[in-house]
């Protein structure tokens, strides 16, 4: 899959500088990026086979649990084009405050 807005993940990890879990967060996101780049998903069912804890919100919107569910990663997927758009990443608590169906990537 082609991943768009990877910088969002990098910036989020950098923003967590000084937090004791930053190294583990970086490792978890690096592993996710590696797996998703190699994936060739054709449906949400294929995503669920690899990520059983992922939440399918709609036909194209998926939420991944990161680092033992401490963080949430919201993406949009175009299965036909093989593209994953990073829409949002944050703590589980911050996730509870967003509209997961409508959240969009914001440029800094």
PDB file of N, CA and C in Angstrom:
ATOM      1  N   UNK A   1       0.851  -1.176   0.000  1.00  0.00           N
ATOM      2  CA  UNK A   1       0.000   0.000   0.000  1.00  0.00           C
ATOM      3  C   UNK A   1       0.896   1.238   0.000  1.00  0.00           C
ATOM      4  N   UNK A   2       0.397   2.261  -0.629  1.00  0.00           N
ATOM      5  CA  UNK A   2       1.086   3.554  -0.608  1.00  0.00           C
ATOM      6  C   UNK A   2       0.516   4.355   0.564  1.00  0.00           C
ATOM      7  N   UNK A   3       1.399   4.902   1.373  1.00  0.00           N
ATOM      8  CA  UNK A   3       0.967   5.628   2.567  1.00  0.00           C
ATOM      9  C   UNK A   3       1.195   7.118   2.356  1.00  0.00           C
ATOM     10  N   UNK A   4       0.125   7.888   2.547  1.00  0.00           N
ATOM     11  CA  UNK A   4       0.197   9.332   2.373  1.00  0.00           C
ATOM     12  C   UNK A   4       0.116  10.003   3.743  1.00  0.00           C
ATOM     13  N   UNK A   5       0.955  11.022   3.912  1.00  0.00           N
ATOM     14  CA  UNK A   5       1.036  11.822   5.147  1.00  0.00           C
ATOM     15  C   UNK A   5       1.796  11.096   6.245  1.00  0.00           C
ATOM     16  N   UNK A   6       2.847  10.366   5.855  1.00  0.00           N
ATOM     17  CA  UNK A   6       3.693   9.690   6.848  1.00  0.00           C
ATOM     18  C   UNK A   6       4.325  10.694   7.805  1.00  0.00           C
ATOM     19  N   UNK A   7       4.543  11.898   7.322  1.00  0.00           N
ATOM     20  CA  UNK A   7       5.155  12.921   8.166  1.00  0.00           C
ATOM     21  C   UNK A   7       4.306  13.193   9.414  1.00  0.00           C
ATOM     22  N   UNK A   8       3.016  13.001   9.310  1.00  0.00           N
ATOM     23  CA  UNK A   8       2.133  13.176  10.461  1.00  0.00           C
ATOM     24  C   UNK A   8       2.584  12.277  11.609  1.00  0.00           C
ATOM     25  N   UNK A   9       2.954  11.043  11.282  1.00  0.00           N
ATOM     26  CA  UNK A   9       3.411  10.110  12.310  1.00  0.00           C
ATOM     27  C   UNK A   9       4.739  10.561  12.900  1.00  0.00           C
ATOM     28  N   UNK A  10       5.649  10.971  12.027  1.00  0.00           N
ATOM     29  CA  UNK A  10       6.958  11.445  12.481  1.00  0.00           C
ATOM     30  C   UNK A  10       6.802  12.650  13.410  1.00  0.00           C
ATOM     31  N   UNK A  11       5.969  13.595  13.023  1.00  0.00           N
ATOM     32  CA  UNK A  11       5.773  14.792  13.837  1.00  0.00           C
ATOM     33  C   UNK A  11       5.131  14.446  15.177  1.00  0.00           C
ATOM     34  N   UNK A  12       4.224  13.478  15.163  1.00  0.00           N
ATOM     35  CA  UNK A  12       3.588  13.090  16.416  1.00  0.00           C
ATOM     36  C   UNK A  12       4.612  12.462  17.358  1.00  0.00           C
ATOM     37  N   UNK A  13       5.448  11.576  16.832  1.00  0.00           N
ATOM     38  CA  UNK A  13       6.483  10.948  17.661  1.00  0.00           C
ATOM     39  C   UNK A  13       7.409  12.019  18.230  1.00  0.00           C
ATOM     40  N   UNK A  14       7.817  12.963  17.390  1.00  0.00           N
ATOM     41  CA  UNK A  14       8.693  14.048  17.861  1.00  0.00           C
ATOM     42  C   UNK A  14       8.008  14.878  18.941  1.00  0.00           C
ATOM     43  N   UNK A  15       6.704  15.083  18.806  1.00  0.00           N
ATOM     44  CA  UNK A  15       5.969  15.880  19.800  1.00  0.00           C
ATOM     45  C   UNK A  15       5.903  15.182  21.155  1.00  0.00           C
ATOM     46  N   UNK A  16       6.122  13.874  21.167  1.00  0.00           N
ATOM     47  CA  UNK A  16       6.102  13.099  22.404  1.00  0.00           C
ATOM     48  C   UNK A  16       7.470  13.061  23.064  1.00  0.00           C
ATOM     49  N   UNK A  17       8.421  13.837  22.553  1.00  0.00           N
ATOM     50  CA  UNK A  17       9.764  13.891  23.121  1.00  0.00           C
ATOM     51  C   UNK A  17       9.710  14.172  24.610  1.00  0.00           C
ATOM     52  N   UNK A  18      10.495  13.440  25.370  1.00  0.00           N
ATOM     53  CA  UNK A  18      10.489  13.605  26.814  1.00  0.00           C
ATOM     54  C   UNK A  18       9.541  12.664  27.527  1.00  0.00           C
ATOM     55  N   UNK A  19       8.604  12.066  26.802  1.00  0.00           N
ATOM     56  CA  UNK A  19       7.709  11.077  27.410  1.00  0.00           C
ATOM     57  C   UNK A  19       8.424   9.731  27.436  1.00  0.00           C
ATOM     58  N   UNK A  20       8.247   9.012  28.509  1.00  0.00           N
ATOM     59  CA  UNK A  20       8.978   7.751  28.656  1.00  0.00           C
ATOM     60  C   UNK A  20       8.588   6.715  27.614  1.00  0.00           C
ATOM     61  N   UNK A  21       7.413   6.850  27.009  1.00  0.00           N
ATOM     62  CA  UNK A  21       6.984   5.849  26.028  1.00  0.00           C
ATOM     63  C   UNK A  21       7.311   6.231  24.582  1.00  0.00           C
ATOM     64  N   UNK A  22       7.997   7.355  24.374  1.00  0.00           N
ATOM     65  CA  UNK A  22       8.297   7.780  23.009  1.00  0.00           C
ATOM     66  C   UNK A  22       9.063   6.726  22.211  1.00  0.00           C
ATOM     67  N   UNK A  23      10.117   6.111  22.752  1.00  0.00           N
ATOM     68  CA  UNK A  23      10.832   5.090  21.963  1.00  0.00           C
ATOM     69  C   UNK A  23       9.927   3.913  21.567  1.00  0.00           C
ATOM     70  N   UNK A  24       9.084   3.461  22.481  1.00  0.00           N
ATOM     71  CA  UNK A  24       8.181   2.343  22.177  1.00  0.00           C
ATOM     72  C   UNK A  24       7.135   2.749  21.142  1.00  0.00           C
ATOM     73  N   UNK A  25       6.666   3.987  21.218  1.00  0.00           N
ATOM     74  CA  UNK A  25       5.720   4.495  20.228  1.00  0.00           C
ATOM     75  C   UNK A  25       6.354   4.508  18.845  1.00  0.00           C
ATOM     76  N   UNK A  26       7.598   4.987  18.763  1.00  0.00           N
ATOM     77  CA  UNK A  26       8.295   5.033  17.478  1.00  0.00           C
ATOM     78  C   UNK A  26       8.458   3.635  16.892  1.00  0.00           C
ATOM     79  N   UNK A  27       8.841   2.686  17.721  1.00  0.00           N
ATOM     80  CA  UNK A  27       8.997   1.306  17.258  1.00  0.00           C
ATOM     81  C   UNK A  27       7.666   0.755  16.746  1.00  0.00           C
ATOM     82  N   UNK A  28       6.589   1.005  17.486  1.00  0.00           N
ATOM     83  CA  UNK A  28       5.268   0.504  17.088  1.00  0.00           C
ATOM     84  C   UNK A  28       4.829   1.103  15.756  1.00  0.00           C
ATOM     85  N   UNK A  29       5.033   2.400  15.584  1.00  0.00           N
ATOM     86  CA  UNK A  29       4.634   3.045  14.325  1.00  0.00           C
ATOM     87  C   UNK A  29       5.524   2.621  13.161  1.00  0.00           C
ATOM     88  N   UNK A  30       6.808   2.453  13.408  1.00  0.00           N
ATOM     89  CA  UNK A  30       7.705   1.958  12.360  1.00  0.00           C
ATOM     90  C   UNK A  30       7.285   0.565  11.899  1.00  0.00           C
ATOM     91  N   UNK A  31       6.911  -0.284  12.835  1.00  0.00           N
ATOM     92  CA  UNK A  31       6.462  -1.640  12.490  1.00  0.00           C
ATOM     93  C   UNK A  31       5.168  -1.577  11.683  1.00  0.00           C
ATOM     94  N   UNK A  32       4.238  -0.707  12.098  1.00  0.00           N
ATOM     95  CA  UNK A  32       2.977  -0.551  11.361  1.00  0.00           C
ATOM     96  C   UNK A  32       3.261  -0.078   9.931  1.00  0.00           C
ATOM     97  N   UNK A  33       4.116   0.931   9.782  1.00  0.00           N
ATOM     98  CA  UNK A  33       4.450   1.435   8.448  1.00  0.00           C
ATOM     99  C   UNK A  33       5.048   0.335   7.576  1.00  0.00           C
ATOM    100  N   UNK A  34       5.958  -0.430   8.134  1.00  0.00           N
ATOM    101  CA  UNK A  34       6.599  -1.509   7.380  1.00  0.00           C
ATOM    102  C   UNK A  34       5.566  -2.540   6.905  1.00  0.00           C
ATOM    103  N   UNK A  35       4.677  -2.944   7.804  1.00  0.00           N
ATOM    104  CA  UNK A  35       3.664  -3.946   7.459  1.00  0.00           C
ATOM    105  C   UNK A  35       2.682  -3.424   6.412  1.00  0.00           C
ATOM    106  N   UNK A  36       2.260  -2.181   6.577  1.00  0.00           N
ATOM    107  CA  UNK A  36       1.260  -1.633   5.660  1.00  0.00           C
ATOM    108  C   UNK A  36       1.860  -1.386   4.279  1.00  0.00           C
ATOM    109  N   UNK A  37       3.100  -0.951   4.212  1.00  0.00           N
ATOM    110  CA  UNK A  37       3.755  -0.776   2.900  1.00  0.00           C
ATOM    111  C   UNK A  37       3.782  -2.079   2.113  1.00  0.00           C
ATOM    112  N   UNK A  38       3.976  -3.179   2.800  1.00  0.00           N
ATOM    113  CA  UNK A  38       4.058  -4.483   2.140  1.00  0.00           C
ATOM    114  C   UNK A  38       2.690  -5.088   1.845  1.00  0.00           C
ATOM    115  N   UNK A  39       1.655  -4.587   2.487  1.00  0.00           N
ATOM    116  CA  UNK A  39       0.305  -5.148   2.332  1.00  0.00           C
ATOM    117  C   UNK A  39      -0.276  -4.813   0.952  1.00  0.00           C
ATOM    118  N   UNK A  40      -1.208  -5.637   0.519  1.00  0.00           N
ATOM    119  CA  UNK A  40      -1.963  -5.404  -0.715  1.00  0.00           C
ATOM    120  C   UNK A  40      -3.430  -5.672  -0.417  1.00  0.00           C
ATOM    121  N   UNK A  41      -3.955  -4.884   0.521  1.00  0.00           N
ATOM    122  CA  UNK A  41      -5.331  -5.095   0.955  1.00  0.00           C
ATOM    123  C   UNK A  41      -6.323  -4.790  -0.159  1.00  0.00           C
ATOM    124  N   UNK A  42      -7.340  -5.606  -0.245  1.00  0.00           N
ATOM    125  CA  UNK A  42      -8.414  -5.392  -1.213  1.00  0.00           C
ATOM    126  C   UNK A  42      -9.749  -5.112  -0.517  1.00  0.00           C
ATOM    127  N   UNK A  43      -9.773  -5.282   0.815  1.00  0.00           N
ATOM    128  CA  UNK A  43     -11.021  -5.070   1.560  1.00  0.00           C
ATOM    129  C   UNK A  43     -10.711  -4.883   3.040  1.00  0.00           C
ATOM    130  N   UNK A  44     -11.719  -4.415   3.763  1.00  0.00           N
ATOM    131  CA  UNK A  44     -11.558  -4.263   5.212  1.00  0.00           C
ATOM    132  C   UNK A  44     -11.372  -5.626   5.879  1.00  0.00           C
ATOM    133  N   UNK A  45     -11.943  -6.677   5.302  1.00  0.00           N
ATOM    134  CA  UNK A  45     -11.776  -8.017   5.875  1.00  0.00           C
ATOM    135  C   UNK A  45     -10.303  -8.425   5.870  1.00  0.00           C
ATOM    136  N   UNK A  46      -9.577  -8.063   4.827  1.00  0.00           N
ATOM    137  CA  UNK A  46      -8.151  -8.382   4.770  1.00  0.00           C
ATOM    138  C   UNK A  46      -7.371  -7.594   5.819  1.00  0.00           C
ATOM    139  N   UNK A  47      -7.784  -6.367   6.079  1.00  0.00           N
ATOM    140  CA  UNK A  47      -7.146  -5.576   7.135  1.00  0.00           C
ATOM    141  C   UNK A  47      -7.377  -6.261   8.479  1.00  0.00           C
ATOM    142  N   UNK A  48      -8.600  -6.687   8.728  1.00  0.00           N
ATOM    143  CA  UNK A  48      -8.942  -7.328   9.999  1.00  0.00           C
ATOM    144  C   UNK A  48      -8.198  -8.644  10.203  1.00  0.00           C
ATOM    145  N   UNK A  49      -7.858  -9.331   9.121  1.00  0.00           N
ATOM    146  CA  UNK A  49      -7.095 -10.574   9.256  1.00  0.00           C
ATOM    147  C   UNK A  49      -5.704 -10.304   9.839  1.00  0.00           C
ATOM    148  N   UNK A  50      -5.097  -9.192   9.434  1.00  0.00           N
ATOM    149  CA  UNK A  50      -3.767  -8.841   9.942  1.00  0.00           C
ATOM    150  C   UNK A  50      -3.847  -8.087  11.266  1.00  0.00           C
ATOM    151  N   UNK A  51      -4.861  -7.245  11.401  1.00  0.00           N
ATOM    152  CA  UNK A  51      -5.037  -6.415  12.599  1.00  0.00           C
ATOM    153  C   UNK A  51      -6.417  -6.680  13.195  1.00  0.00           C
ATOM    154  N   UNK A  52      -6.512  -7.725  13.986  1.00  0.00           N
ATOM    155  CA  UNK A  52      -7.799  -8.123  14.553  1.00  0.00           C
ATOM    156  C   UNK A  52      -8.404  -7.047  15.449  1.00  0.00           C
ATOM    157  N   UNK A  53      -7.559  -6.211  16.064  1.00  0.00           N
ATOM    158  CA  UNK A  53      -8.074  -5.190  16.980  1.00  0.00           C
ATOM    159  C   UNK A  53      -8.426  -3.881  16.269  1.00  0.00           C
ATOM    160  N   UNK A  54      -8.184  -3.811  14.961  1.00  0.00           N
ATOM    161  CA  UNK A  54      -8.546  -2.596  14.219  1.00  0.00           C
ATOM    162  C   UNK A  54     -10.066  -2.457  14.205  1.00  0.00           C
ATOM    163  N   UNK A  55     -10.522  -1.213  14.231  1.00  0.00           N
ATOM    164  CA  UNK A  55     -11.958  -0.941  14.171  1.00  0.00           C
ATOM    165  C   UNK A  55     -12.303  -0.400  12.794  1.00  0.00           C
ATOM    166  N   UNK A  56     -13.199  -1.096  12.112  1.00  0.00           N
ATOM    167  CA  UNK A  56     -13.662  -0.636  10.813  1.00  0.00           C
ATOM    168  C   UNK A  56     -14.838   0.306  11.065  1.00  0.00           C
ATOM    169  N   UNK A  57     -14.650   1.582  10.748  1.00  0.00           N
ATOM    170  CA  UNK A  57     -15.661   2.604  11.017  1.00  0.00           C
ATOM    171  C   UNK A  57     -16.627   2.726   9.851  1.00  0.00           C
ATOM    172  N   UNK A  58     -16.083   2.643   8.641  1.00  0.00           N
ATOM    173  CA  UNK A  58     -16.899   2.694   7.430  1.00  0.00           C
ATOM    174  C   UNK A  58     -16.166   1.908   6.350  1.00  0.00           C
ATOM    175  N   UNK A  59     -16.683   1.949   5.138  1.00  0.00           N
ATOM    176  CA  UNK A  59     -16.073   1.181   4.050  1.00  0.00           C
ATOM    177  C   UNK A  59     -14.628   1.587   3.795  1.00  0.00           C
ATOM    178  N   UNK A  60     -14.267   2.823   4.170  1.00  0.00           N
ATOM    179  CA  UNK A  60     -12.894   3.271   3.909  1.00  0.00           C
ATOM    180  C   UNK A  60     -12.174   3.816   5.136  1.00  0.00           C
ATOM    181  N   UNK A  61     -12.819   3.902   6.273  1.00  0.00           N
ATOM    182  CA  UNK A  61     -12.209   4.505   7.471  1.00  0.00           C
ATOM    183  C   UNK A  61     -11.936   3.418   8.491  1.00  0.00           C
ATOM    184  N   UNK A  62     -10.660   3.352   8.932  1.00  0.00           N
ATOM    185  CA  UNK A  62     -10.224   2.312   9.861  1.00  0.00           C
ATOM    186  C   UNK A  62      -9.420   2.956  10.985  1.00  0.00           C
ATOM    187  N   UNK A  63      -9.589   2.436  12.196  1.00  0.00           N
ATOM    188  CA  UNK A  63      -8.839   2.903  13.360  1.00  0.00           C
ATOM    189  C   UNK A  63      -7.969   1.751  13.852  1.00  0.00           C
ATOM    190  N   UNK A  64      -6.668   2.028  13.970  1.00  0.00           N
ATOM    191  CA  UNK A  64      -5.714   1.048  14.476  1.00  0.00           C
ATOM    192  C   UNK A  64      -5.334   1.399  15.903  1.00  0.00           C
ATOM    193  N   UNK A  65      -5.193   0.382  16.735  1.00  0.00           N
ATOM    194  CA  UNK A  65      -4.666   0.548  18.081  1.00  0.00           C
ATOM    195  C   UNK A  65      -3.152   0.474  17.981  1.00  0.00           C
ATOM    196  N   UNK A  66      -2.473   1.426  18.595  1.00  0.00           N
ATOM    197  CA  UNK A  66      -1.012   1.486  18.533  1.00  0.00           C
ATOM    198  C   UNK A  66      -0.448   1.404  19.943  1.00  0.00           C
ATOM    199  N   UNK A  67       0.608   0.648  20.065  1.00  0.00           N
ATOM    200  CA  UNK A  67       1.311   0.494  21.346  1.00  0.00           C
ATOM    201  C   UNK A  67       0.361   0.076  22.463  1.00  0.00           C
ATOM    202  N   UNK A  68      -0.232  -1.089  22.251  1.00  0.00           N
ATOM    203  CA  UNK A  68      -1.101  -1.649  23.285  1.00  0.00           C
ATOM    204  C   UNK A  68      -2.326  -0.820  23.562  1.00  0.00           C
ATOM    205  N   UNK A  69      -2.835  -0.135  22.564  1.00  0.00           N
ATOM    206  CA  UNK A  69      -4.044   0.679  22.651  1.00  0.00           C
ATOM    207  C   UNK A  69      -3.830   1.982  23.425  1.00  0.00           C
ATOM    208  N   UNK A  70      -2.573   2.379  23.648  1.00  0.00           N
ATOM    209  CA  UNK A  70      -2.307   3.680  24.262  1.00  0.00           C
ATOM    210  C   UNK A  70      -2.600   4.809  23.278  1.00  0.00           C
ATOM    211  N   UNK A  71      -2.462   4.505  21.993  1.00  0.00           N
ATOM    212  CA  UNK A  71      -2.658   5.499  20.937  1.00  0.00           C
ATOM    213  C   UNK A  71      -3.603   4.936  19.893  1.00  0.00           C
ATOM    214  N   UNK A  72      -4.243   5.850  19.176  1.00  0.00           N
ATOM    215  CA  UNK A  72      -5.137   5.475  18.087  1.00  0.00           C
ATOM    216  C   UNK A  72      -4.676   6.163  16.821  1.00  0.00           C
ATOM    217  N   UNK A  73      -4.746   5.429  15.715  1.00  0.00           N
ATOM    218  CA  UNK A  73      -4.356   5.917  14.406  1.00  0.00           C
ATOM    219  C   UNK A  73      -5.545   5.763  13.470  1.00  0.00           C
ATOM    220  N   UNK A  74      -6.025   6.890  12.936  1.00  0.00           N
ATOM    221  CA  UNK A  74      -7.176   6.887  12.033  1.00  0.00           C
ATOM    222  C   UNK A  74      -6.667   7.045  10.608  1.00  0.00           C
ATOM    223  N   UNK A  75      -7.105   6.144   9.733  1.00  0.00           N
ATOM    224  CA  UNK A  75      -6.708   6.211   8.333  1.00  0.00           C
ATOM    225  C   UNK A  75      -7.931   6.067   7.438  1.00  0.00           C
ATOM    226  N   UNK A  76      -7.774   6.552   6.208  1.00  0.00           N
ATOM    227  CA  UNK A  76      -8.745   6.293   5.156  1.00  0.00           C
ATOM    228  C   UNK A  76      -8.032   5.430   4.127  1.00  0.00           C
ATOM    229  N   UNK A  77      -8.740   4.460   3.575  1.00  0.00           N
ATOM    230  CA  UNK A  77      -8.129   3.529   2.639  1.00  0.00           C
ATOM    231  C   UNK A  77      -8.908   3.520   1.331  1.00  0.00           C
ATOM    232  N   UNK A  78      -8.169   3.654   0.233  1.00  0.00           N
ATOM    233  CA  UNK A  78      -8.745   3.455  -1.099  1.00  0.00           C
ATOM    234  C   UNK A  78      -8.202   2.115  -1.573  1.00  0.00           C
ATOM    235  N   UNK A  79      -9.012   1.084  -1.445  1.00  0.00           N
ATOM    236  CA  UNK A  79      -8.551  -0.263  -1.755  1.00  0.00           C
ATOM    237  C   UNK A  79      -8.252  -0.439  -3.241  1.00  0.00           C
ATOM    238  N   UNK A  80      -9.024   0.187  -4.104  1.00  0.00           N
ATOM    239  CA  UNK A  80      -8.789   0.059  -5.543  1.00  0.00           C
ATOM    240  C   UNK A  80      -7.450   0.643  -5.963  1.00  0.00           C
ATOM    241  N   UNK A  81      -7.085   1.782  -5.385  1.00  0.00           N
ATOM    242  CA  UNK A  81      -5.830   2.445  -5.739  1.00  0.00           C
ATOM    243  C   UNK A  81      -4.658   2.016  -4.862  1.00  0.00           C
ATOM    244  N   UNK A  82      -4.955   1.297  -3.785  1.00  0.00           N
ATOM    245  CA  UNK A  82      -3.892   0.842  -2.895  1.00  0.00           C
ATOM    246  C   UNK A  82      -3.257   1.969  -2.105  1.00  0.00           C
ATOM    247  N   UNK A  83      -4.096   2.882  -1.608  1.00  0.00           N
ATOM    248  CA  UNK A  83      -3.592   4.048  -0.887  1.00  0.00           C
ATOM    249  C   UNK A  83      -4.177   4.084   0.524  1.00  0.00           C
ATOM    250  N   UNK A  84      -3.314   4.401   1.481  1.00  0.00           N
ATOM    251  CA  UNK A  84      -3.716   4.608   2.877  1.00  0.00           C
ATOM    252  C   UNK A  84      -3.373   6.050   3.233  1.00  0.00           C
ATOM    253  N   UNK A  85      -4.370   6.829   3.645  1.00  0.00           N
ATOM    254  CA  UNK A  85      -4.150   8.220   4.069  1.00  0.00           C
ATOM    255  C   UNK A  85      -4.182   8.285   5.581  1.00  0.00           C
ATOM    256  N   UNK A  86      -3.121   8.810   6.167  1.00  0.00           N
ATOM    257  CA  UNK A  86      -3.103   9.041   7.611  1.00  0.00           C
ATOM    258  C   UNK A  86      -3.998  10.254   7.863  1.00  0.00           C
ATOM    259  N   UNK A  87      -5.016  10.093   8.666  1.00  0.00           N
ATOM    260  CA  UNK A  87      -5.943  11.187   8.957  1.00  0.00           C
ATOM    261  C   UNK A  87      -5.702  11.809  10.328  1.00  0.00           C
ATOM    262  N   UNK A  88      -5.332  10.970  11.303  1.00  0.00           N
ATOM    263  CA  UNK A  88      -5.185  11.482  12.670  1.00  0.00           C
ATOM    264  C   UNK A  88      -4.451  10.442  13.506  1.00  0.00           C
ATOM    265  N   UNK A  89      -3.659  10.912  14.465  1.00  0.00           N
ATOM    266  CA  UNK A  89      -3.069  10.046  15.480  1.00  0.00           C
ATOM    267  C   UNK A  89      -3.059  10.800  16.798  1.00  0.00           C
ATOM    268  N   UNK A  90      -3.328  10.091  17.861  1.00  0.00           N
ATOM    269  CA  UNK A  90      -3.323  10.716  19.178  1.00  0.00           C
ATOM    270  C   UNK A  90      -3.514   9.680  20.266  1.00  0.00           C
ATOM    271  N   UNK A  91      -3.585  10.180  21.481  1.00  0.00           N
ATOM    272  CA  UNK A  91      -3.785   9.284  22.620  1.00  0.00           C
ATOM    273  C   UNK A  91      -5.207   8.739  22.593  1.00  0.00           C
ATOM    274  N   UNK A  92      -5.375   7.671  23.333  1.00  0.00           N
ATOM    275  CA  UNK A  92      -6.716   7.087  23.421  1.00  0.00           C
ATOM    276  C   UNK A  92      -7.699   8.111  23.985  1.00  0.00           C
ATOM    277  N   UNK A  93      -7.262   8.895  24.958  1.00  0.00           N
ATOM    278  CA  UNK A  93      -8.143   9.902  25.561  1.00  0.00           C
ATOM    279  C   UNK A  93      -8.524  10.974  24.538  1.00  0.00           C
ATOM    280  N   UNK A  94      -7.548  11.438  23.739  1.00  0.00           N
ATOM    281  CA  UNK A  94      -7.849  12.427  22.710  1.00  0.00           C
ATOM    282  C   UNK A  94      -8.780  11.862  21.638  1.00  0.00           C
ATOM    283  N   UNK A  95      -8.636  10.582  21.349  1.00  0.00           N
ATOM    284  CA  UNK A  95      -9.486   9.917  20.359  1.00  0.00           C
ATOM    285  C   UNK A  95     -10.957  10.011  20.751  1.00  0.00           C
ATOM    286  N   UNK A  96     -11.223   9.913  22.046  1.00  0.00           N
ATOM    287  CA  UNK A  96     -12.604   9.977  22.529  1.00  0.00           C
ATOM    288  C   UNK A  96     -13.244  11.344  22.278  1.00  0.00           C
ATOM    289  N   UNK A  97     -12.434  12.347  21.941  1.00  0.00           N
ATOM    290  CA  UNK A  97     -12.945  13.714  21.736  1.00  0.00           C
ATOM    291  C   UNK A  97     -13.126  14.082  20.264  1.00  0.00           C
ATOM    292  N   UNK A  98     -12.782  13.192  19.339  1.00  0.00           N
ATOM    293  CA  UNK A  98     -12.875  13.537  17.918  1.00  0.00           C
ATOM    294  C   UNK A  98     -14.046  12.836  17.254  1.00  0.00           C
ATOM    295  N   UNK A  99     -14.436  13.352  16.099  1.00  0.00           N
ATOM    296  CA  UNK A  99     -15.414  12.686  15.245  1.00  0.00           C
ATOM    297  C   UNK A  99     -14.612  11.826  14.279  1.00  0.00           C
ATOM    298  N   UNK A 100     -14.510  10.548  14.578  1.00  0.00           N
ATOM    299  CA  UNK A 100     -13.631   9.668  13.812  1.00  0.00           C
ATOM    300  C   UNK A 100     -14.035   9.576  12.342  1.00  0.00           C
ATOM    301  N   UNK A 101     -15.303   9.743  12.055  1.00  0.00           N
ATOM    302  CA  UNK A 101     -15.765   9.664  10.663  1.00  0.00           C
ATOM    303  C   UNK A 101     -15.406  10.909   9.867  1.00  0.00           C
ATOM    304  N   UNK A 102     -15.229  12.019  10.552  1.00  0.00           N
ATOM    305  CA  UNK A 102     -15.007  13.276   9.841  1.00  0.00           C
ATOM    306  C   UNK A 102     -13.631  13.872  10.004  1.00  0.00           C
ATOM    307  N   UNK A 103     -12.816  13.363  10.910  1.00  0.00           N
ATOM    308  CA  UNK A 103     -11.506  13.946  11.160  1.00  0.00           C
ATOM    309  C   UNK A 103     -10.665  13.875   9.894  1.00  0.00           C
ATOM    310  N   UNK A 104      -9.977  14.957   9.617  1.00  0.00           N
ATOM    311  CA  UNK A 104      -9.132  15.039   8.427  1.00  0.00           C
ATOM    312  C   UNK A 104      -7.735  15.467   8.815  1.00  0.00           C
ATOM    313  N   UNK A 105      -6.770  15.063   8.020  1.00  0.00           N
ATOM    314  CA  UNK A 105      -5.374  15.456   8.226  1.00  0.00           C
ATOM    315  C   UNK A 105      -5.258  16.977   8.178  1.00  0.00           C
ATOM    316  N   UNK A 106      -4.556  17.521   9.147  1.00  0.00           N
ATOM    317  CA  UNK A 106      -4.317  18.962   9.166  1.00  0.00           C
ATOM    318  C   UNK A 106      -2.857  19.215   8.924  1.00  0.00           C
ATOM    319  N   UNK A 107      -2.549  20.123   8.028  1.00  0.00           N
ATOM    320  CA  UNK A 107      -1.154  20.493   7.774  1.00  0.00           C
ATOM    321  C   UNK A 107      -0.729  21.497   8.832  1.00  0.00           C
ATOM    322  N   UNK A 108       0.492  21.309   9.387  1.00  0.00           N
ATOM    323  CA  UNK A 108       0.954  22.226  10.423  1.00  0.00           C
ATOM    324  C   UNK A 108       1.213  23.615   9.858  1.00  0.00           C
TER     325      UNK A 108
END
